Amino acid sequence: MCLYQLMSGQGLTYVFECKANPMTPSAYTCPMVRSKVVDSYFMEHRAKLLDIASFLDRIDRAAPSSEGEPEDYRVAALRRAAAILTDG
């Protein structure tokens, strides 16, 4: 069994449960082999990651609207989601 977390913009966390054992052949739900998936989708998803990185960089470089302004909840949620993806 495996669990997946997804965070919404309002700070809510949704947990999805996968009942299949990820190590068994029956858990493979994609009809393509891994190398074909990478060949087909790598550049698209690389571009999305670069887009997110440039957005976060712009946020970091921008001056705050007011002194002591808390981070926007959407940006905070995006940062938390990125941390989950990198740290597991």
N, C-alpha and C. Protein backbone atom coordinates (compact mmCIF):
# COMPACT_ATOMS: atom_id res chain seq x y z
N MET A 1 0.85 -1.16 0.00
CA MET A 1 0.00 0.00 0.00
C MET A 1 0.90 1.24 0.00
N CYS A 2 0.49 2.29 -0.73
CA CYS A 2 1.25 3.53 -0.76
C CYS A 2 0.29 4.70 -0.60
N LEU A 3 0.81 5.80 -0.09
CA LEU A 3 0.00 6.99 0.14
C LEU A 3 0.55 8.14 -0.68
N TYR A 4 -0.33 8.96 -1.21
CA TYR A 4 0.07 10.15 -1.94
C TYR A 4 -0.60 11.35 -1.29
N GLN A 5 0.13 12.44 -1.12
CA GLN A 5 -0.42 13.66 -0.54
C GLN A 5 -0.54 14.72 -1.61
N LEU A 6 -1.62 15.48 -1.56
CA LEU A 6 -1.84 16.60 -2.46
C LEU A 6 -2.34 17.76 -1.63
N MET A 7 -1.70 18.91 -1.78
CA MET A 7 -2.08 20.07 -0.98
C MET A 7 -2.84 21.06 -1.84
N SER A 8 -3.93 21.59 -1.30
CA SER A 8 -4.70 22.59 -2.01
C SER A 8 -4.19 23.97 -1.63
N GLY A 9 -4.65 24.99 -2.32
CA GLY A 9 -4.24 26.36 -2.04
C GLY A 9 -4.70 26.88 -0.70
N GLN A 10 -5.70 26.28 -0.10
CA GLN A 10 -6.21 26.75 1.17
C GLN A 10 -5.54 26.05 2.35
N GLY A 11 -4.44 25.37 2.12
CA GLY A 11 -3.72 24.70 3.19
C GLY A 11 -4.28 23.34 3.55
N LEU A 12 -5.25 22.85 2.82
CA LEU A 12 -5.82 21.52 3.09
C LEU A 12 -4.93 20.46 2.46
N THR A 13 -4.79 19.34 3.12
CA THR A 13 -4.00 18.23 2.59
C THR A 13 -4.94 17.07 2.30
N TYR A 14 -4.89 16.59 1.09
CA TYR A 14 -5.67 15.42 0.69
C TYR A 14 -4.71 14.24 0.60
N VAL A 15 -5.08 13.11 1.15
CA VAL A 15 -4.26 11.91 1.11
C VAL A 15 -4.99 10.86 0.29
N PHE A 16 -4.30 10.33 -0.70
CA PHE A 16 -4.86 9.30 -1.56
C PHE A 16 -4.14 8.00 -1.27
N GLU A 17 -4.88 6.93 -1.19
CA GLU A 17 -4.31 5.63 -0.87
C GLU A 17 -4.33 4.74 -2.11
N CYS A 18 -3.21 4.12 -2.37
CA CYS A 18 -3.08 3.18 -3.48
C CYS A 18 -3.04 1.78 -2.87
N LYS A 19 -4.01 0.95 -3.18
CA LYS A 19 -4.11 -0.37 -2.55
C LYS A 19 -3.14 -1.38 -3.16
N ALA A 20 -2.76 -1.20 -4.40
CA ALA A 20 -1.87 -2.17 -5.05
C ALA A 20 -0.45 -2.03 -4.51
N ASN A 21 0.23 -3.12 -4.42
CA ASN A 21 1.64 -3.10 -4.03
C ASN A 21 2.42 -2.56 -5.22
N PRO A 22 3.15 -1.43 -5.04
CA PRO A 22 3.84 -0.83 -6.19
C PRO A 22 4.94 -1.70 -6.77
N MET A 23 5.31 -2.77 -6.11
CA MET A 23 6.39 -3.62 -6.61
C MET A 23 5.88 -4.80 -7.43
N THR A 24 4.58 -5.00 -7.47
CA THR A 24 4.05 -6.13 -8.23
C THR A 24 3.69 -5.69 -9.65
N PRO A 25 3.82 -6.58 -10.64
CA PRO A 25 3.49 -6.23 -12.01
C PRO A 25 2.05 -5.77 -12.19
N SER A 26 1.12 -6.21 -11.34
CA SER A 26 -0.27 -5.81 -11.49
C SER A 26 -0.48 -4.33 -11.15
N ALA A 27 0.50 -3.71 -10.49
CA ALA A 27 0.39 -2.30 -10.11
C ALA A 27 0.72 -1.39 -11.29
N TYR A 28 1.30 -1.92 -12.34
CA TYR A 28 1.67 -1.10 -13.49
C TYR A 28 0.42 -0.80 -14.31
N THR A 29 -0.05 0.43 -14.23
CA THR A 29 -1.29 0.79 -14.91
C THR A 29 -1.06 1.53 -16.21
N CYS A 30 0.17 1.90 -16.50
CA CYS A 30 0.48 2.62 -17.74
C CYS A 30 0.84 1.61 -18.82
N PRO A 31 0.24 1.73 -20.00
CA PRO A 31 0.52 0.75 -21.05
C PRO A 31 1.91 0.91 -21.69
N MET A 32 2.62 2.01 -21.40
CA MET A 32 3.94 2.24 -21.98
C MET A 32 5.03 1.79 -21.02
N VAL A 33 6.19 1.45 -21.58
CA VAL A 33 7.35 1.17 -20.74
C VAL A 33 7.95 2.50 -20.29
N ARG A 34 8.74 2.46 -19.23
CA ARG A 34 9.27 3.70 -18.64
C ARG A 34 10.07 4.54 -19.61
N SER A 35 10.89 3.92 -20.43
CA SER A 35 11.70 4.69 -21.38
C SER A 35 10.82 5.44 -22.38
N LYS A 36 9.71 4.85 -22.76
CA LYS A 36 8.77 5.51 -23.68
C LYS A 36 8.08 6.69 -22.99
N VAL A 37 7.73 6.52 -21.70
CA VAL A 37 7.11 7.62 -20.94
C VAL A 37 8.09 8.79 -20.87
N VAL A 38 9.36 8.50 -20.55
CA VAL A 38 10.36 9.56 -20.47
C VAL A 38 10.54 10.22 -21.83
N ASP A 39 10.66 9.43 -22.87
CA ASP A 39 10.82 10.00 -24.21
C ASP A 39 9.63 10.89 -24.60
N SER A 40 8.44 10.50 -24.20
CA SER A 40 7.24 11.23 -24.61
C SER A 40 6.98 12.48 -23.79
N TYR A 41 7.30 12.46 -22.50
CA TYR A 41 6.84 13.54 -21.61
C TYR A 41 7.93 14.33 -20.90
N PHE A 42 9.20 13.96 -21.04
CA PHE A 42 10.26 14.62 -20.27
C PHE A 42 10.34 16.11 -20.55
N MET A 43 10.42 16.51 -21.79
CA MET A 43 10.61 17.93 -22.12
C MET A 43 9.43 18.78 -21.65
N GLU A 44 8.23 18.27 -21.78
CA GLU A 44 7.04 18.99 -21.33
C GLU A 44 7.10 19.26 -19.83
N HIS A 45 7.45 18.24 -19.05
CA HIS A 45 7.47 18.40 -17.61
C HIS A 45 8.70 19.16 -17.12
N ARG A 46 9.80 19.06 -17.85
CA ARG A 46 10.97 19.87 -17.54
C ARG A 46 10.63 21.34 -17.70
N ALA A 47 9.92 21.69 -18.76
CA ALA A 47 9.51 23.07 -19.00
C ALA A 47 8.59 23.58 -17.88
N LYS A 48 7.70 22.72 -17.40
CA LYS A 48 6.82 23.12 -16.31
C LYS A 48 7.61 23.40 -15.03
N LEU A 49 8.59 22.55 -14.74
CA LEU A 49 9.42 22.78 -13.56
C LEU A 49 10.21 24.08 -13.67
N LEU A 50 10.76 24.36 -14.85
CA LEU A 50 11.49 25.61 -15.05
C LEU A 50 10.56 26.81 -14.91
N ASP A 51 9.33 26.68 -15.36
CA ASP A 51 8.35 27.76 -15.22
C ASP A 51 8.05 28.03 -13.75
N ILE A 52 7.86 26.99 -12.96
CA ILE A 52 7.61 27.15 -11.53
C ILE A 52 8.82 27.76 -10.84
N ALA A 53 10.02 27.29 -11.20
CA ALA A 53 11.24 27.84 -10.60
C ALA A 53 11.39 29.32 -10.91
N SER A 54 11.08 29.73 -12.14
CA SER A 54 11.20 31.15 -12.49
C SER A 54 10.14 31.98 -11.76
N PHE A 55 8.94 31.42 -11.57
CA PHE A 55 7.90 32.12 -10.82
C PHE A 55 8.34 32.34 -9.37
N LEU A 56 8.86 31.29 -8.73
CA LEU A 56 9.32 31.43 -7.34
C LEU A 56 10.49 32.38 -7.24
N ASP A 57 11.37 32.40 -8.24
CA ASP A 57 12.48 33.35 -8.25
C ASP A 57 11.97 34.79 -8.33
N ARG A 58 10.96 35.02 -9.19
CA ARG A 58 10.37 36.36 -9.28
C ARG A 58 9.75 36.79 -7.96
N ILE A 59 9.09 35.86 -7.28
CA ILE A 59 8.50 36.15 -5.97
C ILE A 59 9.59 36.53 -4.98
N ASP A 60 10.69 35.77 -4.96
CA ASP A 60 11.79 36.04 -4.03
C ASP A 60 12.45 37.38 -4.30
N ARG A 61 12.52 37.79 -5.55
CA ARG A 61 13.19 39.04 -5.91
C ARG A 61 12.27 40.27 -5.77
N ALA A 62 10.98 40.06 -5.74
CA ALA A 62 10.04 41.18 -5.69
C ALA A 62 10.02 41.79 -4.29
N ALA A 63 9.82 43.10 -4.25
CA ALA A 63 9.70 43.80 -2.97
C ALA A 63 8.32 43.49 -2.37
N PRO A 64 8.25 43.34 -1.04
CA PRO A 64 6.95 43.08 -0.42
C PRO A 64 6.02 44.29 -0.57
N SER A 65 4.73 44.02 -0.61
CA SER A 65 3.75 45.10 -0.74
C SER A 65 3.75 46.00 0.48
N SER A 66 3.93 45.39 1.64
CA SER A 66 3.99 46.17 2.89
C SER A 66 4.96 45.49 3.84
N GLU A 67 5.43 46.25 4.82
CA GLU A 67 6.38 45.72 5.80
C GLU A 67 5.74 44.61 6.64
N GLY A 68 6.42 43.50 6.79
CA GLY A 68 5.91 42.40 7.59
C GLY A 68 4.76 41.64 6.95
N GLU A 69 4.59 41.80 5.65
CA GLU A 69 3.50 41.13 4.94
C GLU A 69 3.71 39.61 4.96
N PRO A 70 2.70 38.83 5.37
CA PRO A 70 2.85 37.37 5.34
C PRO A 70 2.85 36.87 3.90
N GLU A 71 3.46 35.73 3.68
CA GLU A 71 3.50 35.16 2.34
C GLU A 71 2.09 34.77 1.90
N ASP A 72 1.78 35.03 0.65
CA ASP A 72 0.48 34.67 0.09
C ASP A 72 0.25 33.16 0.27
N TYR A 73 -0.97 32.79 0.64
CA TYR A 73 -1.28 31.38 0.91
C TYR A 73 -1.03 30.49 -0.31
N ARG A 74 -1.19 31.03 -1.52
CA ARG A 74 -0.98 30.22 -2.72
C ARG A 74 0.50 29.92 -2.91
N VAL A 75 1.33 30.91 -2.68
CA VAL A 75 2.78 30.72 -2.81
C VAL A 75 3.27 29.77 -1.71
N ALA A 76 2.75 29.94 -0.50
CA ALA A 76 3.13 29.06 0.61
C ALA A 76 2.76 27.61 0.29
N ALA A 77 1.57 27.39 -0.27
CA ALA A 77 1.15 26.04 -0.63
C ALA A 77 2.04 25.46 -1.73
N LEU A 78 2.44 26.28 -2.69
CA LEU A 78 3.32 25.83 -3.76
C LEU A 78 4.69 25.44 -3.20
N ARG A 79 5.19 26.23 -2.25
CA ARG A 79 6.48 25.90 -1.63
C ARG A 79 6.39 24.60 -0.83
N ARG A 80 5.28 24.40 -0.10
CA ARG A 80 5.11 23.16 0.65
C ARG A 80 5.02 21.96 -0.28
N ALA A 81 4.31 22.11 -1.39
CA ALA A 81 4.19 21.01 -2.37
C ALA A 81 5.56 20.68 -2.97
N ALA A 82 6.37 21.69 -3.26
CA ALA A 82 7.70 21.46 -3.79
C ALA A 82 8.58 20.74 -2.77
N ALA A 83 8.43 21.10 -1.50
CA ALA A 83 9.20 20.44 -0.44
C ALA A 83 8.81 18.96 -0.33
N ILE A 84 7.53 18.67 -0.45
CA ILE A 84 7.08 17.27 -0.41
C ILE A 84 7.66 16.49 -1.59
N LEU A 85 7.69 17.12 -2.75
CA LEU A 85 8.23 16.43 -3.93
C LEU A 85 9.72 16.17 -3.81
N THR A 86 10.46 17.10 -3.22
CA THR A 86 11.92 16.92 -3.13
C THR A 86 12.33 16.06 -1.95
N ASP A 87 11.60 16.14 -0.84
CA ASP A 87 11.98 15.40 0.36
C ASP A 87 11.25 14.08 0.50
N GLY A 88 10.15 13.94 -0.20
CA GLY A 88 9.39 12.71 -0.13
C GLY A 88 8.45 12.79 1.00
